[in-house]
Protein backbone atom coordinates (compact mmCIF):
# COMPACT_ATOMS: atom_id res chain seq x y z
CA MET A 1 0.05 -0.17 0.04
CA PRO A 2 1.42 3.52 -1.07
CA LEU A 3 2.63 5.68 1.84
CA LEU A 4 -0.10 8.43 1.30
CA GLU A 5 -2.86 5.78 1.18
CA ARG A 6 -1.53 4.23 4.27
CA ILE A 7 -1.84 7.49 6.22
CA GLY A 8 -5.04 8.41 4.58
CA LEU A 9 -3.96 11.47 2.44
CA HIS A 10 -3.97 9.74 -1.18
CA ARG A 11 -6.86 12.14 -2.88
CA PRO A 12 -6.25 15.91 -3.27
CA GLU A 13 -9.46 16.50 -1.33
CA LEU A 14 -8.33 14.51 1.60
CA ARG A 15 -5.01 16.56 1.65
CA ALA A 16 -6.88 19.88 1.24
CA TRP A 17 -9.06 18.80 4.30
CA ALA A 18 -6.39 17.74 6.50
CA LEU A 19 -4.49 21.03 5.95
CA TYR A 20 -7.00 22.90 8.06
CA ASP A 21 -5.73 20.81 11.01
CA TRP A 22 -2.38 22.21 9.87
CA ALA A 23 -3.84 25.89 9.74
CA ASN A 24 -5.71 26.00 12.89
CA SER A 25 -3.20 23.93 15.21
CA VAL A 26 -1.08 26.98 15.62
CA PHE A 27 -3.82 28.55 17.77
CA MET A 28 -3.60 25.69 20.13
CA THR A 29 0.23 26.10 20.34
CA THR A 30 1.34 29.60 19.81
CA VAL A 31 -1.94 31.26 20.72
CA LEU A 32 -3.29 29.28 23.58
CA GLN A 33 0.00 28.05 25.20
CA VAL A 34 2.07 31.07 24.52
CA PHE A 35 -0.79 33.23 25.73
CA GLN A 36 -0.62 31.48 29.08
CA ILE A 37 2.89 32.80 29.50
CA TYR A 38 2.22 36.19 27.95
CA PHE A 39 -0.87 37.11 29.99
CA PRO A 40 0.41 36.86 33.45
CA ALA A 41 3.90 38.09 32.55
CA VAL A 42 2.89 40.94 30.24
CA ALA A 43 -0.72 41.67 29.62
CA ALA A 44 -1.79 41.21 33.31
CA ALA A 45 1.46 42.38 34.68
CA GLY A 46 -0.48 44.41 37.55
CA LEU A 47 -2.38 41.31 38.71
CA SER A 48 -1.24 38.47 41.07
CA ARG A 49 -0.19 35.09 39.18
CA SER A 50 -3.30 33.41 40.82
CA GLU A 51 -5.71 36.33 39.92
CA ALA A 52 -4.52 36.31 36.45
CA GLY A 53 -4.68 32.43 36.13
CA SER A 54 -8.12 32.57 37.47
CA ARG A 55 -9.37 35.28 34.99
CA PHE A 56 -7.80 33.32 32.20
CA ALA A 57 -9.51 30.13 33.03
CA LEU A 58 -12.91 31.60 33.66
CA ALA A 59 -12.75 33.61 30.46
CA THR A 60 -11.90 30.47 28.51
CA SER A 61 -14.75 28.79 30.09
CA LEU A 62 -17.32 31.40 29.16
CA SER A 63 -16.05 31.85 25.62
CA ILE A 64 -16.30 28.00 24.84
CA ALA A 65 -19.77 27.96 26.50
CA ALA A 66 -21.09 30.66 24.21
CA VAL A 67 -20.02 28.90 21.09
CA ALA A 68 -21.15 25.46 22.35
CA LEU A 69 -24.69 26.73 22.89
CA VAL A 70 -24.98 28.17 19.36
CA SER A 71 -23.05 25.34 17.36
CA PRO A 72 -26.08 22.89 16.67
CA VAL A 73 -28.09 25.83 15.33
CA LEU A 74 -25.23 26.91 13.11
CA GLY A 75 -24.87 23.31 12.10
CA ALA A 76 -28.45 22.71 11.31
CA LEU A 77 -28.39 26.15 9.21
CA ALA A 78 -25.33 24.95 7.27
CA ASP A 79 -26.92 21.60 6.44
CA VAL A 80 -30.09 23.27 5.22
CA THR A 81 -28.48 26.06 3.20
CA GLY A 82 -25.76 23.89 2.01
CA ARG A 83 -23.06 26.49 3.25
CA LYS A 84 -20.68 24.39 5.39
CA LYS A 85 -17.50 26.00 3.71
CA PRO A 86 -18.75 29.53 3.94
CA MET A 87 -19.49 29.08 7.74
CA LEU A 88 -16.09 27.64 7.95
CA ALA A 89 -14.66 30.82 6.20
CA LEU A 90 -16.61 33.14 8.46
CA PHE A 91 -15.51 31.77 11.81
CA ALA A 92 -11.91 31.13 10.72
CA GLY A 93 -11.73 34.75 9.45
CA MET A 94 -12.99 35.99 12.82
CA GLY A 95 -10.43 33.91 14.70
CA VAL A 96 -7.64 35.16 12.35
CA LEU A 97 -8.39 38.83 12.66
CA ALA A 98 -8.70 38.60 16.46
CA THR A 99 -5.53 36.68 16.82
CA ALA A 100 -3.72 39.45 14.59
CA GLY A 101 -5.21 41.97 16.89
CA LEU A 102 -3.37 40.49 19.93
CA TYR A 103 -0.28 42.20 18.26
CA GLY A 104 -1.59 45.52 19.54
CA ALA A 105 -2.30 44.43 23.27
CA GLY A 106 0.81 45.62 25.19
CA ARG A 107 1.82 45.56 28.87
CA GLY A 108 -0.95 46.07 31.45
CA GLU A 109 -3.78 45.76 28.77
CA TRP A 110 -5.17 42.64 30.17
CA LEU A 111 -8.74 43.36 29.29
CA LEU A 112 -7.96 44.09 25.71
CA ALA A 113 -5.82 40.94 25.47
CA LEU A 114 -8.42 38.75 27.33
CA ALA A 115 -11.33 40.24 25.01
CA LEU A 116 -9.37 39.36 21.73
CA PHE A 117 -8.41 35.92 23.05
CA VAL A 118 -12.06 35.23 23.81
CA ILE A 119 -13.16 36.31 20.27
CA ALA A 120 -10.33 34.23 18.58
CA ASN A 121 -11.18 31.12 20.85
CA ILE A 122 -14.84 31.19 19.54
CA GLY A 123 -13.64 31.72 15.99
CA VAL A 124 -11.51 28.60 16.19
CA VAL A 125 -13.99 26.48 18.07
CA ALA A 126 -16.96 27.41 15.64
CA SER A 127 -14.99 26.74 12.51
CA ILE A 128 -13.82 23.41 13.64
CA VAL A 129 -17.53 22.46 13.84
CA PHE A 130 -17.99 22.88 10.12
CA TYR A 131 -14.63 21.67 9.28
CA ASN A 132 -15.35 18.17 11.14
CA SER A 133 -18.77 18.18 9.43
CA LEU A 134 -16.80 17.80 5.89
CA LEU A 135 -15.14 14.73 6.98
CA PRO A 136 -17.89 11.93 6.23
CA HIS A 137 -18.56 13.61 2.92
CA ILE A 138 -14.99 13.20 1.55
CA ALA A 139 -13.75 9.93 3.40
CA ARG A 140 -15.08 6.61 2.89
CA PRO A 141 -16.06 4.60 6.08
CA GLU A 142 -12.95 2.52 5.92
CA GLU A 143 -10.80 5.74 5.50
CA VAL A 144 -12.17 7.73 8.26
CA ASP A 145 -9.89 6.69 11.03
CA ARG A 146 -6.68 7.14 8.98
CA VAL A 147 -7.89 10.53 7.38
CA SER A 148 -8.80 11.96 11.10
CA THR A 149 -5.58 10.81 12.52
CA ALA A 150 -3.58 12.27 9.56
CA GLY A 151 -5.17 15.64 10.15
CA PHE A 152 -4.20 15.57 13.78
CA ALA A 153 -0.66 14.58 13.01
CA LEU A 154 -0.29 17.33 10.53
CA GLY A 155 -1.52 19.80 13.13
CA TYR A 156 1.22 18.47 15.36
CA VAL A 157 3.75 19.19 12.83
CA SER A 158 2.59 22.80 12.05
CA GLY A 159 2.05 23.80 15.68
CA GLY A 160 5.45 22.50 16.45
CA LEU A 161 7.24 24.22 13.66
CA LEU A 162 5.78 27.74 14.37
CA LEU A 163 5.96 27.37 18.14
CA ALA A 164 9.80 26.60 17.70
CA MET A 165 10.35 29.65 15.62
CA ASN A 166 8.26 31.55 18.20
CA GLY A 167 10.17 30.15 21.07
CA LEU A 168 13.32 31.38 19.50
CA TRP A 169 11.87 34.96 19.11
CA ILE A 170 10.94 35.07 22.77
CA GLN A 171 14.16 33.58 24.08
CA TRP A 172 16.59 35.68 22.11
CA PRO A 173 14.68 38.61 20.68
CA GLU A 174 17.74 40.83 19.95
CA ARG A 175 19.33 38.10 17.65
CA PHE A 176 16.21 38.53 15.38
CA GLY A 177 16.07 42.23 15.47
CA ILE A 178 12.93 42.39 17.74
CA ALA A 179 13.09 45.22 20.14
CA SER A 180 12.02 43.16 23.48
CA ARG A 181 10.52 40.01 24.74
CA ASP A 182 7.06 41.68 24.92
CA ALA A 183 7.28 42.50 21.29
CA ALA A 184 8.39 38.95 20.29
CA PHE A 185 5.06 37.63 22.17
CA GLN A 186 3.14 40.04 20.19
CA LEU A 187 4.98 39.16 16.98
CA SER A 188 4.26 35.46 17.64
CA PHE A 189 0.48 36.09 17.85
CA LEU A 190 0.77 37.92 14.32
CA SER A 191 2.76 35.05 12.83
CA ALA A 192 -0.01 32.63 14.00
CA ALA A 193 -2.81 34.66 12.44
CA LEU A 194 -0.96 34.90 9.05
CA TRP A 195 -0.13 31.00 9.16
CA TRP A 196 -3.70 30.19 10.06
CA GLY A 197 -5.22 32.47 7.35
CA VAL A 198 -2.93 31.23 4.65
CA PHE A 199 -3.28 27.53 5.25
CA SER A 200 -6.98 27.87 5.58
CA LEU A 201 -7.13 28.24 1.70
CA PRO A 202 -6.83 24.72 0.60
CA VAL A 203 -10.01 23.49 2.39
CA LEU A 204 -11.97 26.36 1.09
CA LEU A 205 -10.82 26.16 -2.50
CA ARG A 206 -10.22 22.38 -3.03
CA VAL A 207 -12.81 20.59 -0.81
CA PRO A 208 -16.22 20.42 -2.60
CA GLU A 209 -19.31 21.88 -0.84
CA PRO A 210 -21.40 18.89 0.13
CA PRO A 211 -25.13 19.04 -1.29
CA ARG A 212 -27.54 20.70 0.87
CA ASP A 213 -30.31 18.83 2.39
CA PRO A 214 -33.50 19.64 0.42
CA LEU A 215 -36.16 21.44 2.46
CA ARG A 216 -39.33 19.83 3.07
CA GLY A 217 -42.53 21.69 1.95
CA GLU A 218 -43.37 23.10 5.41
CA ASP A 219 -39.69 23.94 6.00
CA ALA A 220 -39.42 25.95 2.75
CA ALA A 221 -42.19 28.31 3.87
CA ARG A 222 -40.11 28.97 7.23
CA GLY A 223 -37.03 30.23 5.48
CA ALA A 224 -33.42 28.96 6.27
CA LEU A 225 -33.31 29.94 9.98
CA GLY A 226 -36.75 28.65 10.75
CA SER A 227 -36.32 25.43 8.84
CA ALA A 228 -32.88 25.00 10.62
CA LEU A 229 -34.58 25.27 14.06
CA ALA A 230 -37.39 22.86 12.97
CA ARG A 231 -34.71 20.38 11.63
CA LEU A 232 -32.95 20.64 14.90
CA ARG A 233 -36.07 19.66 16.90
CA ARG A 234 -36.54 16.75 14.49
CA THR A 235 -33.07 15.57 14.86
CA LEU A 236 -33.47 15.57 18.60
CA ALA A 237 -36.46 13.67 18.28
CA GLU A 238 -34.83 11.27 15.84
CA SER A 239 -31.83 10.78 18.01
CA ARG A 240 -33.63 7.95 19.82
CA GLY A 241 -32.81 5.89 16.62
CA HIS A 242 -29.08 6.63 17.13
CA LYS A 243 -28.63 5.85 20.88
CA ASP A 244 -25.00 4.68 20.45
CA ALA A 245 -24.08 7.69 18.61
CA ILE A 246 -25.60 9.89 21.56
CA LEU A 247 -23.85 7.76 24.13
CA VAL A 248 -20.61 8.31 22.36
CA LEU A 249 -21.18 12.01 22.85
CA VAL A 250 -21.88 11.71 26.29
CA ALA A 251 -18.86 9.72 27.09
CA PHE A 252 -16.85 12.03 25.04
CA LEU A 253 -18.13 15.02 26.92
CA ILE A 254 -16.91 13.54 30.06
CA TYR A 255 -13.35 12.17 29.13
CA ASN A 256 -12.71 15.02 26.74
CA ASP A 257 -13.28 17.50 29.45
CA ALA A 258 -10.20 16.34 31.02
CA ILE A 259 -8.21 16.37 27.70
CA VAL A 260 -9.31 19.85 26.79
CA THR A 261 -8.24 21.06 30.28
CA ILE A 262 -4.92 19.55 30.02
CA ILE A 263 -4.43 21.15 26.65
CA ARG A 264 -5.64 24.51 27.72
CA LEU A 265 -4.21 24.82 31.09
CA ALA A 266 -0.88 22.84 31.19
CA ALA A 267 1.18 25.93 30.81
CA THR A 268 -0.66 27.73 33.55
CA PHE A 269 -0.11 24.62 35.74
CA GLY A 270 3.52 24.53 34.86
CA ALA A 271 4.16 28.16 35.69
CA GLU A 272 2.42 27.67 38.97
CA ILE A 273 4.84 24.86 40.12
CA GLY A 274 7.80 27.22 38.94
CA VAL A 275 8.69 25.99 35.41
CA PRO A 276 10.44 28.87 33.68
CA ALA A 277 9.07 30.18 30.53
CA PRO A 278 11.54 28.84 28.06
CA SER A 279 11.10 25.33 29.46
CA LEU A 280 7.43 25.69 29.13
CA ILE A 281 7.72 26.35 25.64
CA LEU A 282 10.21 23.37 25.08
CA ALA A 283 7.81 21.19 26.89
CA ILE A 284 4.81 22.30 24.44
CA LEU A 285 7.25 21.51 21.56
CA LEU A 286 7.85 18.09 22.82
CA VAL A 287 4.12 17.36 23.06
CA GLN A 288 3.95 18.45 19.51
CA PHE A 289 6.72 16.32 18.00
CA VAL A 290 6.01 13.28 20.18
CA GLY A 291 2.50 13.50 18.98
CA ILE A 292 3.20 13.09 15.48
CA PRO A 293 4.23 9.44 15.33
CA ALA A 294 2.01 8.66 18.29
CA THR A 295 -1.01 9.83 16.53
CA PHE A 296 -0.24 7.78 13.39
CA ALA A 297 0.25 4.83 15.72
CA PHE A 298 -3.18 5.17 17.29
CA GLY A 299 -4.50 5.22 13.67
CA GLN A 300 -2.80 1.86 12.95
CA LEU A 301 -3.99 0.58 16.44
CA ALA A 302 -7.46 1.47 15.51
CA GLY A 303 -7.16 -0.40 12.22
CA ARG A 304 -5.99 -3.52 13.61
CA PHE A 305 -7.95 -3.71 16.90
CA GLY A 306 -10.74 -1.34 16.33
CA THR A 307 -11.47 2.31 17.20
CA ARG A 308 -12.95 1.87 20.57
CA PRO A 309 -10.38 -0.36 22.08
CA ALA A 310 -7.58 2.23 20.81
CA ILE A 311 -9.64 5.07 22.63
CA PHE A 312 -9.49 2.93 25.89
CA VAL A 313 -5.74 2.52 25.72
CA ALA A 314 -5.55 6.42 25.63
CA LEU A 315 -8.06 6.87 28.43
CA VAL A 316 -6.21 4.35 30.90
CA SER A 317 -2.81 6.07 30.09
CA TYR A 318 -4.32 9.36 30.94
CA VAL A 319 -5.44 8.24 34.51
CA GLY A 320 -1.72 7.44 35.03
CA ILE A 321 -0.66 10.69 33.72
CA VAL A 322 -2.94 12.81 35.95
CA LEU A 323 -1.87 10.88 39.05
CA PHE A 324 1.79 11.65 38.08
CA GLY A 325 0.97 15.27 37.50
CA PHE A 326 -0.79 15.60 40.64
CA ARG A 327 2.44 14.92 42.67
CA MET A 328 4.78 16.51 40.17
CA THR A 329 6.94 19.33 41.63
CA THR A 330 10.01 19.73 39.25
CA THR A 331 10.86 21.15 35.76
CA ALA A 332 12.30 17.63 34.83
CA GLU A 333 9.04 15.82 35.82
CA PHE A 334 7.16 18.55 33.82
CA PHE A 335 8.99 17.41 30.57
CA VAL A 336 8.26 13.69 31.42
CA LEU A 337 4.54 14.66 31.89
CA ALA A 338 4.68 16.52 28.34
CA GLY A 339 6.09 13.52 26.75
CA LEU A 340 3.48 11.21 28.12
CA VAL A 341 0.77 13.56 27.04
CA GLY A 342 2.11 13.76 23.66
CA CYS A 343 1.94 9.93 23.27
CA VAL A 344 -1.97 9.83 23.66
CA MET A 345 -3.45 13.28 23.07
CA GLY A 346 -3.89 13.30 19.36
CA GLY A 347 -4.91 9.60 19.21
CA ALA A 348 -7.76 10.03 21.69
CA GLN A 349 -9.16 12.94 20.10
CA ALA A 350 -8.72 12.03 16.34
CA LEU A 351 -10.28 8.45 16.98
CA SER A 352 -13.22 9.99 19.14
CA ARG A 353 -13.89 12.23 16.05
CA SER A 354 -13.70 9.34 13.43
CA LEU A 355 -15.75 7.13 15.75
CA PHE A 356 -18.47 9.68 15.86
CA ALA A 357 -18.28 10.44 12.20
CA SER A 358 -18.97 6.65 11.31
CA MET A 359 -22.03 6.64 13.33
CA VAL A 360 -24.07 9.78 11.95
CA PRO A 361 -25.94 10.34 8.72
CA LYS A 362 -24.04 12.29 5.87
CA GLU A 363 -26.81 14.54 5.12
CA LYS A 364 -26.91 15.83 8.83
CA SER A 365 -23.17 15.79 9.35
CA ALA A 366 -22.86 19.64 10.32
CA GLU A 367 -25.94 19.57 12.55
CA LEU A 368 -24.78 16.60 14.42
CA PHE A 369 -21.04 17.65 14.52
CA GLY A 370 -22.53 20.97 15.89
CA PHE A 371 -23.87 18.62 18.78
CA PHE A 372 -20.28 17.08 18.88
CA GLY A 373 -18.87 20.63 19.18
CA VAL A 374 -21.17 21.19 22.03
CA PHE A 375 -20.05 18.30 23.85
CA ASP A 376 -16.38 18.82 23.03
CA LYS A 377 -16.26 22.33 24.07
CA PHE A 378 -18.59 21.95 27.25
CA GLY A 379 -15.88 19.74 28.41
CA GLY A 380 -13.51 22.73 28.28
CA VAL A 381 -16.14 24.78 30.24
CA PHE A 382 -16.28 22.39 33.13
CA GLY A 383 -12.63 21.74 33.26
CA SER A 384 -11.41 25.47 32.89
CA ALA A 385 -14.02 26.64 35.54
CA LEU A 386 -12.75 23.92 37.93
CA PHE A 387 -9.27 25.02 37.51
CA GLY A 388 -10.44 28.68 37.87
CA LEU A 389 -12.30 27.99 41.07
CA SER A 390 -9.55 26.06 42.51
CA LEU A 391 -6.94 28.89 41.90
CA SER A 392 -9.40 31.49 43.27
CA ARG A 393 -10.14 29.39 46.46
CA THR A 394 -7.03 27.68 47.26
CA GLY A 395 -4.35 29.40 45.21
CA SER A 396 -3.50 26.05 43.67
CA SER A 397 -4.68 24.02 40.82
CA ARG A 398 -3.76 20.52 42.29
CA PRO A 399 -7.07 19.62 43.52
CA ALA A 400 -8.41 20.19 39.90
CA VAL A 401 -5.52 18.26 38.42
CA LEU A 402 -6.52 15.15 40.62
CA ALA A 403 -10.22 15.53 39.62
CA MET A 404 -9.38 14.93 36.04
CA ALA A 405 -8.73 11.18 36.72
CA ALA A 406 -12.44 10.70 37.62
CA PHE A 407 -13.50 12.23 34.35
CA PHE A 408 -11.47 9.67 32.29
CA LEU A 409 -12.68 6.75 34.32
CA ILE A 410 -16.57 7.82 34.05
CA GLY A 411 -16.11 8.59 30.38
CA GLY A 412 -14.40 5.30 29.71
CA PHE A 413 -17.04 3.47 31.55
CA LEU A 414 -19.91 5.16 29.53
CA LEU A 415 -17.86 4.40 26.15
CA SER A 416 -17.74 0.61 27.19
CA ARG A 417 -21.58 0.59 26.98
CA VAL A 418 -21.48 1.74 23.33
CA ASP A 419 -22.38 -0.95 20.70
CA VAL A 420 -20.35 0.40 17.52
CA ASP A 421 -21.66 -2.22 15.23
CA ARG A 422 -25.12 -1.38 16.12
CA GLY A 423 -24.70 2.37 15.84
CA ARG A 424 -23.15 1.94 12.26
CA ARG A 425 -26.05 -0.36 11.22
CA ALA A 426 -28.38 2.29 12.37
CA VAL A 427 -26.88 4.90 10.07
CA ARG A 428 -27.14 2.38 7.04
CA GLU A 429 -30.69 1.55 7.95
CA ALA A 430 -31.66 5.16 8.09
CA ALA A 431 -29.94 5.99 4.80
CA ALA A 432 -31.68 3.13 3.19
C-alpha cells in the first residue's frame, strides 16, 4: 500500500481537508499555550499570578460555553443552506483577525488581550465544527480513522514548527532584530494569524461543498433559519434511533473535559509549580513532536484492534498521567509529563472524531457535528471553570488536576456501553 494511502492522504480533497488541521493547530500552540505565559507576565502584569490565572481560566470557560450553545443551530443552518464552507470561512476569518489583534495588546492591557483571546477562541472552536462536518462527505467509511488521525498529526507538525520559531524569538529577541521580549510575544501572535489564514485556503478552494439537504414543504415556507430550527427539533426527536452515537457523545463530553483542560491549562499549571517560561515552550514543543508518530500509531492501532479499544488505551494512559501530574514538583517531571501527554493526546481526540463520524448520517453531518462541538467544548467549560475556582479558592490548581482522573474513568465506562456495530448499522438503515 502506498504511503499516502496508508496514512489517509491519497486524494487531493483529503489532503486539502487535513491542511485545516495544519492551519488551526497554531492556535492551540502559539496562541493558546504562549498566551498563558504572555498573559500573566505581560498583559496582566499588574495582577497577581493566581488572579491572572483565574481570570484566564474563567474567560476561557465562558467563551467556549458561548459557542457551544449556538453550534447545533449553526450546524443545522449549514446543512439546510448547503453552506458549510462559507460558515467555516466566516469563523476562521473572525479568529484570524482577533489573533492578529493581539499584536496590539501591550503590557498591562489585560482586558483588551483577554477580549481578543475570547473572540479568537470562539472563531477557532466554531470553525472546527464545520471543518469536522466535511469529513464524512470526503472519506469513505474505511478511510475515516486514517484521515482523521492524519489531520491531527499534520496539526502537531504545524504547531510545533511555528512554536519552535516563536520560542526562539521570545528567548533571544535581539538576535532576530526584535525590540524586546514583549514585542516577541506580540509578533508570535501575528505570525500565528498569518499562518492560520494562509493555510485555511486549501480546504476552502479544493474540498467540494457537500450538497444541501433539500427543504421539506413546510420547512421551505419558514425560511433558512426557521427550517434549521425545525430540523434541529426533528433531529433531537430522531436521536432515539441513534442511541449509540448519543452515548458516544456523552462519554466524549466527560473524558474530553479532562483532555481539553490539560491542553488549555498545562502551561498555567507548569508556571504555578515554577517551570521557567523557556522550559514551558520546550515542553509544549515536546508534546507536538512526540504526538506526530504517536497519532499515526493510534490510527494503525484502531485499524488492527478497532477504534473503541484504541480509545480505551488512551484513557487508561491518561489516568496514570493525571496521577503523576498531581504529585509533580520539578521541571524535569514536567518534561516527562509532556512526553506522556504527547503519546496519547492526538490519538484520543482523532479517534473520537472518527468514531462519531462513522455513526452519523452524512446529510446531517454539520448539524450533528454541531452537537459534537457542544459536547467537545462544554468539556472545556467544566474543566477550565474547575481550574479557575481551584486557583481562586486555594491558590493552587492541584485539586483540579486530581479531579481529571474521575473524568477519564467515568467517560471510559460510558464508552464501554456503546455498541459500535449497532450504531453503524442504524446509520445504514436510516440512509436506506
